C-alpha atoms as a PDB file:
ATOM      1  CA  MET A   1    -130.411 -78.924 -92.962  1.00  0.00           C
ATOM      2  CA  ARG A   2    -132.894 -81.311 -94.428  1.00  0.00           C
ATOM      3  CA  ILE A   3    -133.700 -78.890 -97.260  1.00  0.00           C
ATOM      4  CA  ARG A   4    -129.790 -78.631 -98.001  1.00  0.00           C
ATOM      5  CA  LEU A   5    -129.731 -82.462 -98.104  1.00  0.00           C
ATOM      6  CA  LEU A   6    -132.488 -82.698-100.605  1.00  0.00           C
ATOM      7  CA  LEU A   7    -131.141 -79.895-102.862  1.00  0.00           C
ATOM      8  CA  THR A   8    -127.629 -81.616-102.714  1.00  0.00           C
ATOM      9  CA  THR A   9    -128.691 -85.242-103.321  1.00  0.00           C
ATOM     10  CA  LEU A  10    -131.230 -84.696-106.154  1.00  0.00           C
ATOM     11  CA  PRO A  11    -128.797 -83.232-108.530  1.00  0.00           C
ATOM     12  CA  LEU A  12    -126.174 -85.793-107.895  1.00  0.00           C
ATOM     13  CA  LEU A  13    -128.683 -88.534-108.658  1.00  0.00           C
ATOM     14  CA  LEU A  14    -129.830 -86.904-111.934  1.00  0.00           C
ATOM     15  CA  ILE A  15    -126.199 -86.449-112.823  1.00  0.00           C
ATOM     16  CA  ALA A  16    -125.332 -90.184-112.023  1.00  0.00           C
ATOM     17  CA  PHE A  17    -128.485 -91.403-113.952  1.00  0.00           C
ATOM     18  CA  ASN A  18    -127.826 -89.196-117.086  1.00  0.00           C
ATOM     19  CA  THR A  19    -124.162 -90.028-117.283  1.00  0.00           C
ATOM     20  CA  GLY A  20    -124.711 -93.491-116.986  1.00  0.00           C
ATOM     21  CA  CYS A  21    -127.153 -93.939-119.906  1.00  0.00           C
ATOM     22  CA  VAL A  22    -125.800 -95.786-122.877  1.00  0.00           C
ATOM     23  CA  LYS A  23    -127.348 -97.124-126.000  1.00  0.00           C
ATOM     24  CA  ASN A  24    -127.920-100.879-125.769  1.00  0.00           C
ATOM     25  CA  ALA A  25    -126.401-102.653-128.822  1.00  0.00           C
ATOM     26  CA  ALA A  26    -129.086-105.582-128.737  1.00  0.00           C
ATOM     27  CA  THR A  27    -132.092-103.524-128.314  1.00  0.00           C
ATOM     28  CA  GLY A  28    -131.386-100.039-129.613  1.00  0.00           C
ATOM     29  CA  ARG A  29    -132.726 -98.545-126.509  1.00  0.00           C
ATOM     30  CA  SER A  30    -130.884 -96.063-124.239  1.00  0.00           C
ATOM     31  CA  GLN A  31    -130.707 -97.311-120.636  1.00  0.00           C
ATOM     32  CA  PHE A  32    -128.850 -96.761-117.440  1.00  0.00           C
ATOM     33  CA  ASN A  33    -126.152 -99.316-116.579  1.00  0.00           C
ATOM     34  CA  ALA A  34    -126.758-100.055-112.956  1.00  0.00           C
ATOM     35  CA  LEU A  35    -123.995-102.704-113.081  1.00  0.00           C
ATOM     36  CA  SER A  36    -120.704-103.079-114.653  1.00  0.00           C
ATOM     37  CA  THR A  37    -119.882-105.976-116.827  1.00  0.00           C
ATOM     38  CA  GLU A  38    -117.506-107.044-114.072  1.00  0.00           C
ATOM     39  CA  LYS A  39    -120.165-107.043-111.509  1.00  0.00           C
ATOM     40  CA  GLU A  40    -122.722-108.724-113.643  1.00  0.00           C
ATOM     41  CA  ILE A  41    -120.301-111.565-114.223  1.00  0.00           C
ATOM     42  CA  ALA A  42    -119.499-111.859-110.378  1.00  0.00           C
ATOM     43  CA  ILE A  43    -123.217-112.002-109.494  1.00  0.00           C
ATOM     44  CA  GLY A  44    -123.815-114.724-111.947  1.00  0.00           C
ATOM     45  CA  THR A  45    -120.926-116.663-110.840  1.00  0.00           C
ATOM     46  CA  GLN A  46    -121.818-116.038-106.984  1.00  0.00           C
ATOM     47  CA  ALA A  47    -125.376-117.170-107.503  1.00  0.00           C
ATOM     48  CA  MET A  48    -124.804-120.354-109.709  1.00  0.00           C
ATOM     49  CA  PRO A  49    -123.808-122.924-106.984  1.00  0.00           C
ATOM     50  CA  GLU A  50    -126.731-122.245-104.721  1.00  0.00           C
ATOM     51  CA  LEU A  51    -129.252-122.168-107.572  1.00  0.00           C
ATOM     52  CA  ILE A  52    -127.967-125.423-109.063  1.00  0.00           C
ATOM     53  CA  ALA A  53    -128.146-127.043-105.711  1.00  0.00           C
ATOM     54  CA  GLY A  54    -131.758-125.568-105.111  1.00  0.00           C
ATOM     55  CA  TYR A  55    -132.863-127.267-108.321  1.00  0.00           C
ATOM     56  CA  GLY A  56    -131.429-130.636-107.814  1.00  0.00           C
ATOM     57  CA  GLY A  57    -128.081-130.272-109.259  1.00  0.00           C
ATOM     58  CA  VAL A  58    -127.312-131.011-113.065  1.00  0.00           C
ATOM     59  CA  VAL A  59    -128.502-133.763-115.095  1.00  0.00           C
ATOM     60  CA  PRO A  60    -126.111-136.624-114.502  1.00  0.00           C
ATOM     61  CA  ASP A  61    -125.176-137.085-118.031  1.00  0.00           C
ATOM     62  CA  GLN A  62    -122.209-135.150-119.511  1.00  0.00           C
ATOM     63  CA  ALA A  63    -123.342-135.838-123.181  1.00  0.00           C
ATOM     64  CA  LEU A  64    -126.793-134.238-122.399  1.00  0.00           C
ATOM     65  CA  ARG A  65    -125.220-131.323-120.586  1.00  0.00           C
ATOM     66  CA  ASP A  66    -122.889-130.886-123.665  1.00  0.00           C
ATOM     67  CA  TYR A  67    -125.903-130.994-125.897  1.00  0.00           C
ATOM     68  CA  VAL A  68    -127.700-128.041-124.169  1.00  0.00           C
ATOM     69  CA  THR A  69    -124.552-126.083-124.109  1.00  0.00           C
ATOM     70  CA  ARG A  70    -123.743-126.584-127.799  1.00  0.00           C
ATOM     71  CA  ILE A  71    -127.340-125.358-128.552  1.00  0.00           C
ATOM     72  CA  GLY A  72    -126.735-122.349-126.417  1.00  0.00           C
ATOM     73  CA  MET A  73    -123.313-121.494-127.621  1.00  0.00           C
ATOM     74  CA  SER A  74    -124.472-121.734-131.214  1.00  0.00           C
ATOM     75  CA  MET A  75    -126.261-118.437-130.783  1.00  0.00           C
ATOM     76  CA  VAL A  76    -123.628-116.833-128.690  1.00  0.00           C
ATOM     77  CA  PRO A  77    -121.533-115.488-131.602  1.00  0.00           C
ATOM     78  CA  PHE A  78    -124.619-113.635-132.994  1.00  0.00           C
ATOM     79  CA  THR A  79    -125.153-111.607-129.990  1.00  0.00           C
ATOM     80  CA  GLU A  80    -124.094-107.887-130.189  1.00  0.00           C
ATOM     81  CA  ALA A  81    -121.159-105.667-129.009  1.00  0.00           C
ATOM     82  CA  ASP A  82    -118.850-107.489-126.568  1.00  0.00           C
ATOM     83  CA  TYR A  83    -121.579-110.109-125.344  1.00  0.00           C
ATOM     84  CA  PRO A  84    -119.760-113.109-127.269  1.00  0.00           C
ATOM     85  CA  LYS A  85    -116.877-112.460-124.990  1.00  0.00           C
ATOM     86  CA  LEU A  86    -119.005-113.151-121.825  1.00  0.00           C
ATOM     87  CA  PRO A  87    -118.144-116.347-119.965  1.00  0.00           C
ATOM     88  CA  TRP A  88    -121.294-117.924-121.257  1.00  0.00           C
ATOM     89  CA  GLU A  89    -122.563-121.134-119.346  1.00  0.00           C
ATOM     90  CA  PHE A  90    -125.587-123.128-120.128  1.00  0.00           C
ATOM     91  CA  THR A  91    -126.583-125.279-117.147  1.00  0.00           C
ATOM     92  CA  PHE A  92    -129.056-128.315-117.557  1.00  0.00           C
ATOM     93  CA  LEU A  93    -130.781-128.642-114.289  1.00  0.00           C
ATOM     94  CA  ASN A  94    -132.036-132.204-113.106  1.00  0.00           C
ATOM     95  CA  SER A  95    -135.132-130.762-111.861  1.00  0.00           C
ATOM     96  CA  GLY A  96    -138.854-131.696-112.059  1.00  0.00           C
ATOM     97  CA  VAL A  97    -139.858-128.205-111.914  1.00  0.00           C
ATOM     98  CA  ILE A  98    -140.693-126.477-115.210  1.00  0.00           C
ATOM     99  CA  ASN A  99    -138.536-123.504-115.469  1.00  0.00           C
ATOM    100  CA  ALA A 100    -135.691-121.706-117.371  1.00  0.00           C
ATOM    101  CA  PHE A 101    -133.951-118.440-116.262  1.00  0.00           C
ATOM    102  CA  ALA A 102    -130.920-116.341-116.721  1.00  0.00           C
ATOM    103  CA  LEU A 103    -128.429-114.504-114.563  1.00  0.00           C
ATOM    104  CA  PRO A 104    -126.329-111.485-115.437  1.00  0.00           C
ATOM    105  CA  GLY A 105    -122.886-112.445-116.927  1.00  0.00           C
ATOM    106  CA  GLY A 106    -124.157-114.914-119.478  1.00  0.00           C
ATOM    107  CA  LYS A 107    -125.450-117.805-116.923  1.00  0.00           C
ATOM    108  CA  VAL A 108    -128.446-119.549-118.503  1.00  0.00           C
ATOM    109  CA  PHE A 109    -130.446-122.363-116.985  1.00  0.00           C
ATOM    110  CA  VAL A 110    -132.962-124.695-118.318  1.00  0.00           C
ATOM    111  CA  SER A 111    -134.764-127.488-116.355  1.00  0.00           C
ATOM    112  CA  ARG A 112    -135.199-131.265-117.256  1.00  0.00           C
ATOM    113  CA  ALA A 113    -138.947-130.931-116.743  1.00  0.00           C
ATOM    114  CA  LEU A 114    -139.185-128.290-119.309  1.00  0.00           C
ATOM    115  CA  VAL A 115    -136.980-129.999-121.881  1.00  0.00           C
ATOM    116  CA  GLU A 116    -138.991-133.307-121.490  1.00  0.00           C
ATOM    117  CA  ARG A 117    -142.070-131.404-122.733  1.00  0.00           C
ATOM    118  CA  MET A 118    -140.343-130.485-126.000  1.00  0.00           C
ATOM    119  CA  THR A 119    -140.462-132.066-129.250  1.00  0.00           C
ATOM    120  CA  SER A 120    -137.640-130.320-131.243  1.00  0.00           C
ATOM    121  CA  GLU A 121    -134.306-128.786-130.763  1.00  0.00           C
ATOM    122  CA  ALA A 122    -135.794-125.533-132.283  1.00  0.00           C
ATOM    123  CA  GLN A 123    -138.007-125.279-129.270  1.00  0.00           C
ATOM    124  CA  LEU A 124    -134.928-125.680-126.964  1.00  0.00           C
ATOM    125  CA  ALA A 125    -133.127-123.019-128.886  1.00  0.00           C
ATOM    126  CA  GLY A 126    -136.254-120.817-128.648  1.00  0.00           C
ATOM    127  CA  VAL A 127    -135.963-121.006-124.681  1.00  0.00           C
ATOM    128  CA  LEU A 128    -132.312-120.556-124.551  1.00  0.00           C
ATOM    129  CA  GLY A 129    -132.249-117.728-127.010  1.00  0.00           C
ATOM    130  CA  HIS A 130    -135.061-115.896-124.977  1.00  0.00           C
ATOM    131  CA  GLU A 131    -132.924-116.232-121.839  1.00  0.00           C
ATOM    132  CA  ILE A 132    -129.708-115.057-123.811  1.00  0.00           C
ATOM    133  CA  GLY A 133    -131.981-112.059-124.791  1.00  0.00           C
ATOM    134  CA  HIS A 134    -132.498-111.292-121.039  1.00  0.00           C
ATOM    135  CA  VAL A 135    -128.729-110.987-120.729  1.00  0.00           C
ATOM    136  CA  THR A 136    -128.029-108.960-123.817  1.00  0.00           C
ATOM    137  CA  ALA A 137    -130.965-106.650-123.115  1.00  0.00           C
ATOM    138  CA  GLN A 138    -129.686-106.028-119.558  1.00  0.00           C
ATOM    139  CA  HIS A 139    -133.095-106.495-118.244  1.00  0.00           C
ATOM    140  CA  VAL A 140    -131.800-106.981-114.809  1.00  0.00           C
ATOM    141  CA  ASP A 141    -130.065-103.540-114.847  1.00  0.00           C
ATOM    142  CA  ASP A 142    -133.434-102.142-115.881  1.00  0.00           C
ATOM    143  CA  ARG A 143    -135.197-103.770-112.845  1.00  0.00           C
ATOM    144  CA  LEU A 144    -132.373-102.821-110.383  1.00  0.00           C
ATOM    145  CA  THR A 145    -132.444 -99.281-111.675  1.00  0.00           C
ATOM    146  CA  ARG A 146    -136.065 -98.913-111.123  1.00  0.00           C
ATOM    147  CA  GLN A 147    -135.808-100.514-107.707  1.00  0.00           C
ATOM    148  CA  THR A 148    -132.914 -98.474-106.572  1.00  0.00           C
ATOM    149  CA  GLY A 149    -134.299 -95.337-107.924  1.00  0.00           C
ATOM    150  CA  LEU A 150    -137.436 -95.919-105.936  1.00  0.00           C
ATOM    151  CA  GLN A 151    -135.661 -96.673-102.825  1.00  0.00           C
ATOM    152  CA  ILE A 152    -133.075 -93.734-103.014  1.00  0.00           C
ATOM    153  CA  GLY A 153    -136.002 -91.331-103.956  1.00  0.00           C
ATOM    154  CA  ALA A 154    -138.002 -92.510-100.889  1.00  0.00           C
ATOM    155  CA  ALA A 155    -134.854 -92.259 -98.734  1.00  0.00           C
ATOM    156  CA  VAL A 156    -134.449 -88.549 -99.898  1.00  0.00           C
ATOM    157  CA  ILE A 157    -138.020 -87.898 -98.907  1.00  0.00           C
ATOM    158  CA  GLY A 158    -137.455 -89.707 -95.717  1.00  0.00           C
ATOM    159  CA  ALA A 159    -134.340 -87.834 -94.857  1.00  0.00           C
ATOM    160  CA  VAL A 160    -136.126 -84.476 -95.454  1.00  0.00           C
ATOM    161  CA  ALA A 161    -138.748 -85.786 -93.003  1.00  0.00           C
ATOM    162  CA  GLY A 162    -136.120 -86.876 -90.518  1.00  0.00           C
ATOM    163  CA  GLN A 163    -137.104 -90.577 -90.969  1.00  0.00           C
ATOM    164  CA  SER A 164    -133.992 -92.130 -92.677  1.00  0.00           C
ATOM    165  CA  GLU A 165    -130.560 -91.436 -94.191  1.00  0.00           C
ATOM    166  CA  VAL A 166    -129.865 -91.683 -97.829  1.00  0.00           C
ATOM    167  CA  THR A 167    -126.925 -93.816 -97.192  1.00  0.00           C
ATOM    168  CA  GLY A 168    -129.085 -96.201 -95.410  1.00  0.00           C
ATOM    169  CA  ALA A 169    -131.353 -96.682 -98.404  1.00  0.00           C
ATOM    170  CA  VAL A 170    -128.481 -97.152-100.730  1.00  0.00           C
ATOM    171  CA  GLU A 171    -127.142 -99.998 -98.623  1.00  0.00           C
ATOM    172  CA  LEU A 172    -130.718-101.462 -98.719  1.00  0.00           C
ATOM    173  CA  ALA A 173    -130.869-101.129-102.534  1.00  0.00           C
ATOM    174  CA  ASN A 174    -127.493-102.914-102.693  1.00  0.00           C
ATOM    175  CA  LEU A 175    -128.957-106.032-101.193  1.00  0.00           C
ATOM    176  CA  ALA A 176    -130.811-106.510-104.327  1.00  0.00           C
ATOM    177  CA  VAL A 177    -127.462-106.807-106.205  1.00  0.00           C
ATOM    178  CA  THR A 178    -126.772-110.196-104.960  1.00  0.00           C
ATOM    179  CA  GLY A 179    -127.282-113.483-106.638  1.00  0.00           C
ATOM    180  CA  ALA A 180    -130.475-114.317-104.788  1.00  0.00           C
ATOM    181  CA  GLY A 181    -131.768-110.864-105.230  1.00  0.00           C
ATOM    182  CA  VAL A 182    -131.278-110.650-108.923  1.00  0.00           C
ATOM    183  CA  TYR A 183    -132.839-114.219-109.506  1.00  0.00           C
ATOM    184  CA  ALA A 184    -135.928-112.949-107.664  1.00  0.00           C
ATOM    185  CA  LEU A 185    -136.421-110.050-109.912  1.00  0.00           C
ATOM    186  CA  LYS A 186    -139.531-110.293-112.254  1.00  0.00           C
ATOM    187  CA  PHE A 187    -139.464-109.167-115.750  1.00  0.00           C
ATOM    188  CA  ASP A 188    -142.384-107.321-117.173  1.00  0.00           C
ATOM    189  CA  ARG A 189    -144.340-107.876-120.268  1.00  0.00           C
ATOM    190  CA  ASN A 190    -142.374-105.395-122.483  1.00  0.00           C
ATOM    191  CA  GLN A 191    -139.100-107.107-121.289  1.00  0.00           C
ATOM    192  CA  GLU A 192    -140.422-110.580-122.023  1.00  0.00           C
ATOM    193  CA  SER A 193    -141.606-109.486-125.498  1.00  0.00           C
ATOM    194  CA  GLU A 194    -138.193-107.940-126.088  1.00  0.00           C
ATOM    195  CA  SER A 195    -136.448-111.209-125.085  1.00  0.00           C
ATOM    196  CA  ASP A 196    -138.804-113.146-127.541  1.00  0.00           C
ATOM    197  CA  SER A 197    -137.817-110.909-130.282  1.00  0.00           C
ATOM    198  CA  LEU A 198    -133.950-111.211-129.447  1.00  0.00           C
ATOM    199  CA  GLY A 199    -134.395-114.857-129.090  1.00  0.00           C
ATOM    200  CA  ILE A 200    -135.842-115.259-132.428  1.00  0.00           C
ATOM    201  CA  ARG A 201    -133.128-113.012-133.943  1.00  0.00           C
ATOM    202  CA  TYR A 202    -130.368-115.267-132.420  1.00  0.00           C
ATOM    203  CA  MET A 203    -132.053-118.724-133.100  1.00  0.00           C
ATOM    204  CA  MET A 204    -132.582-117.872-136.815  1.00  0.00           C
ATOM    205  CA  LYS A 205    -128.960-116.673-137.262  1.00  0.00           C
ATOM    206  CA  ALA A 206    -127.911-120.081-135.680  1.00  0.00           C
ATOM    207  CA  GLY A 207    -130.146-122.034-138.102  1.00  0.00           C
ATOM    208  CA  TYR A 208    -133.154-122.746-136.220  1.00  0.00           C
ATOM    209  CA  ASN A 209    -136.818-122.118-137.460  1.00  0.00           C
ATOM    210  CA  PRO A 210    -138.317-119.479-135.243  1.00  0.00           C
ATOM    211  CA  ARG A 211    -141.660-121.428-135.133  1.00  0.00           C
ATOM    212  CA  GLY A 212    -139.745-123.362-132.410  1.00  0.00           C
ATOM    213  CA  MET A 213    -140.219-120.302-130.230  1.00  0.00           C
ATOM    214  CA  LEU A 214    -143.983-120.109-130.719  1.00  0.00           C
ATOM    215  CA  GLN A 215    -144.263-123.909-130.256  1.00  0.00           C
ATOM    216  CA  VAL A 216    -142.433-123.846-126.747  1.00  0.00           C
ATOM    217  CA  MET A 217    -144.660-120.953-125.578  1.00  0.00           C
ATOM    218  CA  GLU A 218    -147.573-122.874-126.505  1.00  0.00           C
ATOM    219  CA  ILE A 219    -146.235-125.940-124.629  1.00  0.00           C
ATOM    220  CA  LEU A 220    -145.749-123.725-121.497  1.00  0.00           C
ATOM    221  CA  ASN A 221    -149.172-122.237-121.903  1.00  0.00           C
ATOM    222  CA  ALA A 222    -150.690-125.475-121.918  1.00  0.00           C
ATOM    223  CA  ALA A 223    -148.640-126.613-118.872  1.00  0.00           C
ATOM    224  CA  GLY A 224    -150.058-123.742-116.800  1.00  0.00           C
ATOM    225  CA  GLY A 225    -153.647-124.741-117.564  1.00  0.00           C
ATOM    226  CA  GLY A 226    -153.919-127.687-115.438  1.00  0.00           C
ATOM    227  CA  GLY A 227    -153.980-126.065-112.081  1.00  0.00           C
ATOM    228  CA  GLY A 228    -150.907-124.534-110.579  1.00  0.00           C
ATOM    229  CA  GLN A 229    -148.643-122.652-112.744  1.00  0.00           C
ATOM    230  CA  PRO A 230    -145.200-123.885-113.713  1.00  0.00           C
ATOM    231  CA  GLU A 231    -142.604-122.025-111.773  1.00  0.00           C
ATOM    232  CA  TRP A 232    -141.398-120.547-115.055  1.00  0.00           C
ATOM    233  CA  MET A 233    -144.508-118.418-115.350  1.00  0.00           C
ATOM    234  CA  SER A 234    -143.889-116.858-111.780  1.00  0.00           C
ATOM    235  CA  THR A 235    -140.911-114.895-113.271  1.00  0.00           C
ATOM    236  CA  HIS A 236    -141.923-115.026-116.941  1.00  0.00           C
ATOM    237  CA  PRO A 237    -145.670-113.935-117.237  1.00  0.00           C
ATOM    238  CA  LEU A 238    -147.129-115.772-120.300  1.00  0.00           C
ATOM    239  CA  PRO A 239    -150.402-114.076-121.260  1.00  0.00           C
ATOM    240  CA  GLU A 240    -152.255-115.110-124.297  1.00  0.00           C
ATOM    241  CA  THR A 241    -151.334-111.805-125.912  1.00  0.00           C
ATOM    242  CA  ARG A 242    -147.629-112.789-125.901  1.00  0.00           C
ATOM    243  CA  ILE A 243    -148.260-115.922-127.827  1.00  0.00           C
ATOM    244  CA  LYS A 244    -150.291-113.836-130.191  1.00  0.00           C
ATOM    245  CA  ARG A 245    -147.584-111.362-130.595  1.00  0.00           C
ATOM    246  CA  ILE A 246    -145.071-114.099-131.624  1.00  0.00           C
ATOM    247  CA  ALA A 247    -147.627-115.428-134.103  1.00  0.00           C
ATOM    248  CA  LYS A 248    -148.149-112.047-135.471  1.00  0.00           C
ATOM    249  CA  ARG A 249    -144.524-111.469-135.899  1.00  0.00           C
ATOM    250  CA  LEU A 250    -143.862-114.642-137.945  1.00  0.00           C
ATOM    251  CA  ASN A 251    -146.654-113.662-140.140  1.00  0.00           C
ATOM    252  CA  ARG A 252    -144.745-110.814-141.329  1.00  0.00           C
ATOM    253  CA  LYS A 253    -143.531-110.634-144.902  1.00  0.00           C
ATOM    254  CA  ARG A 254    -139.743-111.142-143.768  1.00  0.00           C
ATOM    255  CA  TYR A 255    -140.716-114.553-142.266  1.00  0.00           C
ATOM    256  CA  ALA A 256    -142.697-115.844-145.207  1.00  0.00           C
ATOM    257  CA  ASN A 257    -140.098-118.189-146.142  1.00  0.00           C
ATOM    258  CA  ILE A 258    -139.052-119.755-142.741  1.00  0.00           C
ATOM    259  CA  ASP A 259    -140.843-123.135-143.453  1.00  0.00           C
ATOM    260  CA  THR A 260    -139.187-123.562-146.871  1.00  0.00           C
ATOM    261  CA  ASP A 261    -135.739-122.071-146.158  1.00  0.00           C
ATOM    262  CA  PRO A 262    -133.229-124.938-146.114  1.00  0.00           C
ATOM    263  CA  ALA A 263    -130.944-122.943-143.574  1.00  0.00           C
ATOM    264  CA  LEU A 264    -133.500-123.014-140.899  1.00  0.00           C
ATOM    265  CA  GLY A 265    -134.519-126.336-139.166  1.00  0.00           C
ATOM    266  CA  ILE A 266    -136.696-127.716-136.570  1.00  0.00           C
ATOM    267  CA  TYR A 267    -134.586-130.893-135.888  1.00  0.00           C
ATOM    268  CA  GLU A 268    -137.119-133.125-134.223  1.00  0.00           C
ATOM    269  CA  ASN A 269    -135.320-136.426-134.940  1.00  0.00           C
ATOM    270  CA  ARG A 270    -132.010-135.171-133.660  1.00  0.00           C
ATOM    271  CA  PHE A 271    -133.608-133.855-130.562  1.00  0.00           C
ATOM    272  CA  GLN A 272    -135.346-137.339-129.930  1.00  0.00           C
ATOM    273  CA  SER A 273    -132.125-139.312-130.508  1.00  0.00           C
ATOM    274  CA  GLN A 274    -129.500-137.030-128.800  1.00  0.00           C
ATOM    275  CA  CYS A 275    -131.687-135.748-126.098  1.00  0.00           C
ATOM    276  CA  LEU A 276    -135.075-137.222-125.160  1.00  0.00           C
ATOM    277  CA  ASN A 277    -133.872-140.981-125.739  1.00  0.00           C
ATOM    278  CA  ARG A 278    -131.008-140.322-123.213  1.00  0.00           C
ATOM    279  CA  LEU A 279    -133.189-138.554-120.795  1.00  0.00           C
ATOM    280  CA  LYS A 280    -135.590-141.350-120.620  1.00  0.00           C
ATOM    281  CA  ARG A 281    -132.820-143.760-119.570  1.00  0.00           C
ATOM    282  CA  LEU A 282    -132.067-141.635-116.446  1.00  0.00           C
ATOM    283  CA  PRO A 283    -133.770-142.007-113.218  1.00  0.00           C
ATOM    284  CA  PRO A 284    -136.485-139.360-112.556  1.00  0.00           C
ATOM    285  CA  PRO A 285    -135.486-136.210-110.910  1.00  0.00           C
ATOM    286  CA  ALA A 286    -136.225-135.467-107.366  1.00  0.00           C
ATOM    287  CA  LYS A 287    -139.471-133.611-106.817  1.00  0.00           C
END
């Protein structure tokens, strides 16, 4: 009976994984879609209220919230396939914790503590573009596919040994497909590099100098050097090699004119007047 279960289950798993593989329009990679678009939107929507509350709510200034949304939405039309149609939301968290993250379905978050360390709008666009890249590259799907695959594989082996049932493992895997579970998933270095590349693509198309991406990574790297890493670095590993990769990319011939191209801006003055000055007038966020 156990051998029959193994012989029955493995082909079904292989068929499911093979038929579920599609080419991602943003990355060009073939990947397994663990989540439907509807499920991605539902997960992001479900998780938003809890995460916002956990980070001290939103910044208590509608103009500042609109400012962040405007920058994020300026890049959305340049995302691929049907991604511009997602119900994108860009949330400005009133938190003293340095962080930025994204949930499936187009939910992007950035903290006040991170924005206050920036000096330009291009840097903010770099962070938001990077998080948009996690959504369009379907990195949560990648992580869930690996996690679920490992759990189901272990369950099949356990079932043969008489230690578990496959259905029980599938239920266990499904626990990860919740708002909290998805938020806790960590991206690997390749996924971070891929999101950097996509973020640079989106911010340039929206009219931002990609040096903003490099600058904000340097800001984050410096923030992690004073004892105790920013929370952002717990889910977004930031090794020196990643900064070097971005710098190396910007040294390529195709980026030779980014500092003289009038279509690409850093927008320091606008960031100062429309964002930082208003933030300074608000009471500090709760720690």
